[in-house]
């Protein structure tokens, strides 16, 4: 399976899970959850996501790995 096909399959599976949750729980729970997101929560969640990408996927961003403390320059 190619990477593009795997990505499409993952996105389709995610949408299927969301559709099943909406179907079983009704849209009220989903809308109530969206209403709890306020002006401070959304930027904090975005910052946490960016931090996770930078820390855990450094190789994808082609950033140099940090040198250990005391390493020669």
C-alpha atoms as a PDB file:
ATOM      1  CA  UNK A   1       0.000   0.000   0.000  1.00  0.00           C
ATOM      2  CA  UNK A   2       1.402   3.374  -0.960  1.00  0.00           C
ATOM      3  CA  UNK A   3       1.715   6.263   1.436  1.00  0.00           C
ATOM      4  CA  UNK A   4      -1.018   8.232  -0.324  1.00  0.00           C
ATOM      5  CA  UNK A   5      -3.437   5.302  -0.169  1.00  0.00           C
ATOM      6  CA  UNK A   6      -2.638   4.778   3.505  1.00  0.00           C
ATOM      7  CA  UNK A   7      -3.298   8.474   4.214  1.00  0.00           C
ATOM      8  CA  UNK A   8      -6.642   8.318   2.400  1.00  0.00           C
ATOM      9  CA  UNK A   9      -7.573   5.158   4.273  1.00  0.00           C
ATOM     10  CA  UNK A  10      -6.693   6.785   7.609  1.00  0.00           C
ATOM     11  CA  UNK A  11      -8.726   9.886   6.798  1.00  0.00           C
ATOM     12  CA  UNK A  12     -11.677   7.762   5.703  1.00  0.00           C
ATOM     13  CA  UNK A  13     -11.490   5.687   8.876  1.00  0.00           C
ATOM     14  CA  UNK A  14     -11.376   8.843  10.999  1.00  0.00           C
ATOM     15  CA  UNK A  15     -14.422  10.266   9.255  1.00  0.00           C
ATOM     16  CA  UNK A  16     -16.238   6.947   9.697  1.00  0.00           C
ATOM     17  CA  UNK A  17     -15.545   7.012  13.437  1.00  0.00           C
ATOM     18  CA  UNK A  18     -16.829  10.589  13.693  1.00  0.00           C
ATOM     19  CA  UNK A  19     -19.935   9.681  11.695  1.00  0.00           C
ATOM     20  CA  UNK A  20     -20.616   6.683  13.949  1.00  0.00           C
ATOM     21  CA  UNK A  21     -20.229   8.834  17.068  1.00  0.00           C
ATOM     22  CA  UNK A  22     -22.548  11.486  15.693  1.00  0.00           C
ATOM     23  CA  UNK A  23     -25.077   8.818  14.755  1.00  0.00           C
ATOM     24  CA  UNK A  24     -24.983   7.095  18.149  1.00  0.00           C
ATOM     25  CA  UNK A  25     -24.666  10.160  20.393  1.00  0.00           C
ATOM     26  CA  UNK A  26     -26.757  12.570  18.310  1.00  0.00           C
ATOM     27  CA  UNK A  27     -25.412  15.956  17.316  1.00  0.00           C
ATOM     28  CA  UNK A  28     -26.220  17.538  20.690  1.00  0.00           C
ATOM     29  CA  UNK A  29     -23.125  16.120  22.381  1.00  0.00           C
ATOM     30  CA  UNK A  30     -20.934  17.192  19.467  1.00  0.00           C
ATOM     31  CA  UNK A  31     -22.307  20.739  19.472  1.00  0.00           C
ATOM     32  CA  UNK A  32     -21.953  20.964  23.269  1.00  0.00           C
ATOM     33  CA  UNK A  33     -18.325  19.939  22.931  1.00  0.00           C
ATOM     34  CA  UNK A  34     -17.698  22.624  20.307  1.00  0.00           C
ATOM     35  CA  UNK A  35     -19.298  25.236  22.552  1.00  0.00           C
ATOM     36  CA  UNK A  36     -16.774  24.513  25.314  1.00  0.00           C
ATOM     37  CA  UNK A  37     -13.895  25.685  23.099  1.00  0.00           C
ATOM     38  CA  UNK A  38     -13.176  29.286  24.007  1.00  0.00           C
ATOM     39  CA  UNK A  39     -10.745  31.935  22.820  1.00  0.00           C
ATOM     40  CA  UNK A  40      -7.859  30.706  24.987  1.00  0.00           C
ATOM     41  CA  UNK A  41      -8.309  26.978  24.434  1.00  0.00           C
ATOM     42  CA  UNK A  42      -7.970  26.997  20.648  1.00  0.00           C
ATOM     43  CA  UNK A  43      -4.585  28.790  20.495  1.00  0.00           C
ATOM     44  CA  UNK A  44      -3.287  26.617  23.345  1.00  0.00           C
ATOM     45  CA  UNK A  45      -4.276  23.452  21.482  1.00  0.00           C
ATOM     46  CA  UNK A  46      -2.665  24.713  18.270  1.00  0.00           C
ATOM     47  CA  UNK A  47       0.543  25.568  20.132  1.00  0.00           C
ATOM     48  CA  UNK A  48       0.601  22.108  21.712  1.00  0.00           C
ATOM     49  CA  UNK A  49       0.176  20.520  18.281  1.00  0.00           C
ATOM     50  CA  UNK A  50       2.997  22.560  16.769  1.00  0.00           C
ATOM     51  CA  UNK A  51       5.252  21.750  19.716  1.00  0.00           C
ATOM     52  CA  UNK A  52       4.543  18.048  19.292  1.00  0.00           C
ATOM     53  CA  UNK A  53       5.442  18.183  15.601  1.00  0.00           C
ATOM     54  CA  UNK A  54       8.666  20.065  16.272  1.00  0.00           C
ATOM     55  CA  UNK A  55       9.759  17.784  19.123  1.00  0.00           C
ATOM     56  CA  UNK A  56       8.690  14.396  17.804  1.00  0.00           C
ATOM     57  CA  UNK A  57       9.093  14.869  14.063  1.00  0.00           C
ATOM     58  CA  UNK A  58      12.296  16.856  13.924  1.00  0.00           C
ATOM     59  CA  UNK A  59      13.572  14.699  11.048  1.00  0.00           C
ATOM     60  CA  UNK A  60      10.531  15.575   8.932  1.00  0.00           C
ATOM     61  CA  UNK A  61      11.219  19.273   9.415  1.00  0.00           C
ATOM     62  CA  UNK A  62      14.960  18.834   8.664  1.00  0.00           C
ATOM     63  CA  UNK A  63      15.942  20.540  11.907  1.00  0.00           C
ATOM     64  CA  UNK A  64      19.316  19.690  13.419  1.00  0.00           C
ATOM     65  CA  UNK A  65      19.236  17.537  16.513  1.00  0.00           C
ATOM     66  CA  UNK A  66      20.266  19.315  19.719  1.00  0.00           C
ATOM     67  CA  UNK A  67      23.802  18.673  20.925  1.00  0.00           C
ATOM     68  CA  UNK A  68      24.264  17.092  24.326  1.00  0.00           C
ATOM     69  CA  UNK A  69      25.364  19.420  27.118  1.00  0.00           C
ATOM     70  CA  UNK A  70      29.137  19.794  27.185  1.00  0.00           C
ATOM     71  CA  UNK A  71      29.639  18.673  23.577  1.00  0.00           C
ATOM     72  CA  UNK A  72      32.351  20.411  21.587  1.00  0.00           C
ATOM     73  CA  UNK A  73      31.137  22.976  19.060  1.00  0.00           C
END
